[in-house]
């Protein structure tokens, strides 16, 4: 989110997240925890349909995070998203 265009694009991507689900899934399964963090906050956290479609990934972060995912608090973010959507993992 430190790129100037990110602030403008994030709401658009969140509104159209179903079209980039494959790419979001690839990011979440990757090894860039900072990217995962911002995708979860700015896109996944604001797209109920994507939250439903990626519930398994959210539950993995919430219940079985890696050490580096814990350092970036991805487990906490995932739990908050799951709680908000009543899909507590």
C-alpha atoms as a PDB file:
ATOM      1  CA  UNK A   1       0.000   0.000   0.000  1.00  0.00           C
ATOM      2  CA  UNK A   2       3.027   2.262  -0.152  1.00  0.00           C
ATOM      3  CA  UNK A   3       2.631   2.695  -3.924  1.00  0.00           C
ATOM      4  CA  UNK A   4       0.625   5.843  -4.681  1.00  0.00           C
ATOM      5  CA  UNK A   5      -1.699   4.012  -7.069  1.00  0.00           C
ATOM      6  CA  UNK A   6      -2.515   1.341  -4.444  1.00  0.00           C
ATOM      7  CA  UNK A   7      -4.715   3.732  -2.483  1.00  0.00           C
ATOM      8  CA  UNK A   8      -6.792   4.346  -5.601  1.00  0.00           C
ATOM      9  CA  UNK A   9      -6.903   0.756  -6.871  1.00  0.00           C
ATOM     10  CA  UNK A  10      -7.621  -1.074  -3.612  1.00  0.00           C
ATOM     11  CA  UNK A  11     -11.327  -0.084  -3.418  1.00  0.00           C
ATOM     12  CA  UNK A  12     -11.819  -0.970  -7.095  1.00  0.00           C
ATOM     13  CA  UNK A  13     -10.150  -4.343  -6.612  1.00  0.00           C
ATOM     14  CA  UNK A  14     -12.247  -5.050  -3.509  1.00  0.00           C
ATOM     15  CA  UNK A  15     -15.459  -4.279  -5.409  1.00  0.00           C
ATOM     16  CA  UNK A  16     -14.402  -6.560  -8.263  1.00  0.00           C
ATOM     17  CA  UNK A  17     -12.589  -9.205  -6.254  1.00  0.00           C
ATOM     18  CA  UNK A  18     -14.489 -12.132  -7.755  1.00  0.00           C
ATOM     19  CA  UNK A  19     -12.696 -11.453 -11.047  1.00  0.00           C
ATOM     20  CA  UNK A  20      -9.264 -11.767  -9.469  1.00  0.00           C
ATOM     21  CA  UNK A  21      -9.956 -14.637  -7.085  1.00  0.00           C
ATOM     22  CA  UNK A  22      -7.300 -16.859  -8.664  1.00  0.00           C
ATOM     23  CA  UNK A  23      -4.673 -14.142  -8.284  1.00  0.00           C
ATOM     24  CA  UNK A  24      -5.703 -13.449  -4.676  1.00  0.00           C
ATOM     25  CA  UNK A  25      -5.487 -17.172  -3.909  1.00  0.00           C
ATOM     26  CA  UNK A  26      -1.987 -17.257  -5.466  1.00  0.00           C
ATOM     27  CA  UNK A  27      -0.894 -14.354  -3.267  1.00  0.00           C
ATOM     28  CA  UNK A  28      -2.286 -16.001  -0.138  1.00  0.00           C
ATOM     29  CA  UNK A  29      -0.471 -19.230  -0.992  1.00  0.00           C
ATOM     30  CA  UNK A  30       2.783 -17.396  -1.698  1.00  0.00           C
ATOM     31  CA  UNK A  31       5.606 -16.393   0.613  1.00  0.00           C
ATOM     32  CA  UNK A  32       5.263 -12.603   0.711  1.00  0.00           C
ATOM     33  CA  UNK A  33       3.616 -11.993   4.078  1.00  0.00           C
ATOM     34  CA  UNK A  34       3.472  -8.216   3.639  1.00  0.00           C
ATOM     35  CA  UNK A  35       1.572  -8.638   0.368  1.00  0.00           C
ATOM     36  CA  UNK A  36      -0.742 -11.151   2.062  1.00  0.00           C
ATOM     37  CA  UNK A  37      -1.331  -8.656   4.864  1.00  0.00           C
ATOM     38  CA  UNK A  38      -2.426  -5.855   2.567  1.00  0.00           C
ATOM     39  CA  UNK A  39      -4.515  -8.121   0.346  1.00  0.00           C
ATOM     40  CA  UNK A  40      -6.310  -9.452   3.412  1.00  0.00           C
ATOM     41  CA  UNK A  41      -6.914  -5.968   4.827  1.00  0.00           C
ATOM     42  CA  UNK A  42      -7.732  -4.016   1.674  1.00  0.00           C
ATOM     43  CA  UNK A  43      -9.351  -6.587  -0.635  1.00  0.00           C
ATOM     44  CA  UNK A  44     -10.345  -9.800   1.096  1.00  0.00           C
ATOM     45  CA  UNK A  45     -11.579  -8.032   4.213  1.00  0.00           C
ATOM     46  CA  UNK A  46     -13.905  -5.891   2.123  1.00  0.00           C
ATOM     47  CA  UNK A  47     -15.322  -8.551  -0.181  1.00  0.00           C
ATOM     48  CA  UNK A  48     -17.898 -10.868   1.435  1.00  0.00           C
ATOM     49  CA  UNK A  49     -18.104 -13.110  -1.627  1.00  0.00           C
ATOM     50  CA  UNK A  50     -14.341 -13.538  -1.747  1.00  0.00           C
ATOM     51  CA  UNK A  51     -14.303 -14.257   1.989  1.00  0.00           C
ATOM     52  CA  UNK A  52     -16.783 -17.057   1.395  1.00  0.00           C
ATOM     53  CA  UNK A  53     -14.839 -18.434  -1.571  1.00  0.00           C
ATOM     54  CA  UNK A  54     -11.523 -18.309   0.286  1.00  0.00           C
ATOM     55  CA  UNK A  55     -12.795 -19.488   3.662  1.00  0.00           C
ATOM     56  CA  UNK A  56     -10.395 -22.455   3.673  1.00  0.00           C
ATOM     57  CA  UNK A  57      -7.422 -20.128   3.224  1.00  0.00           C
ATOM     58  CA  UNK A  58      -8.680 -17.845   5.998  1.00  0.00           C
ATOM     59  CA  UNK A  59      -9.125 -20.814   8.320  1.00  0.00           C
ATOM     60  CA  UNK A  60      -5.574 -21.968   7.536  1.00  0.00           C
ATOM     61  CA  UNK A  61      -4.195 -18.555   8.528  1.00  0.00           C
ATOM     62  CA  UNK A  62      -6.398 -18.434  11.619  1.00  0.00           C
ATOM     63  CA  UNK A  63      -5.661 -21.937  12.875  1.00  0.00           C
ATOM     64  CA  UNK A  64      -2.305 -22.989  11.411  1.00  0.00           C
ATOM     65  CA  UNK A  65      -0.188 -19.928  10.619  1.00  0.00           C
ATOM     66  CA  UNK A  66       3.494 -20.213   9.922  1.00  0.00           C
ATOM     67  CA  UNK A  67       5.890 -18.352  12.171  1.00  0.00           C
ATOM     68  CA  UNK A  68       6.329 -15.577   9.609  1.00  0.00           C
ATOM     69  CA  UNK A  69       2.552 -15.298   9.162  1.00  0.00           C
ATOM     70  CA  UNK A  70       2.208 -14.922  12.930  1.00  0.00           C
ATOM     71  CA  UNK A  71       4.853 -12.205  12.965  1.00  0.00           C
ATOM     72  CA  UNK A  72       2.784 -10.242  10.424  1.00  0.00           C
ATOM     73  CA  UNK A  73      -0.388 -11.026  12.440  1.00  0.00           C
ATOM     74  CA  UNK A  74      -2.105 -12.750   9.526  1.00  0.00           C
ATOM     75  CA  UNK A  75      -3.694 -15.162  11.983  1.00  0.00           C
ATOM     76  CA  UNK A  76      -5.297 -12.268  13.841  1.00  0.00           C
ATOM     77  CA  UNK A  77      -6.554 -10.640  10.643  1.00  0.00           C
ATOM     78  CA  UNK A  78      -7.992 -13.943   9.416  1.00  0.00           C
ATOM     79  CA  UNK A  79      -9.794 -14.491  12.730  1.00  0.00           C
ATOM     80  CA  UNK A  80     -11.255 -10.986  12.556  1.00  0.00           C
ATOM     81  CA  UNK A  81     -12.509 -11.556   9.008  1.00  0.00           C
ATOM     82  CA  UNK A  82     -13.965 -14.952   9.919  1.00  0.00           C
ATOM     83  CA  UNK A  83     -15.625 -13.522  13.013  1.00  0.00           C
ATOM     84  CA  UNK A  84     -17.093 -10.630  11.033  1.00  0.00           C
ATOM     85  CA  UNK A  85     -18.573 -13.033   8.505  1.00  0.00           C
ATOM     86  CA  UNK A  86     -19.698 -15.534  11.173  1.00  0.00           C
ATOM     87  CA  UNK A  87     -17.386 -18.181   9.740  1.00  0.00           C
ATOM     88  CA  UNK A  88     -15.268 -18.459  12.853  1.00  0.00           C
ATOM     89  CA  UNK A  89     -12.641 -21.110  12.190  1.00  0.00           C
END
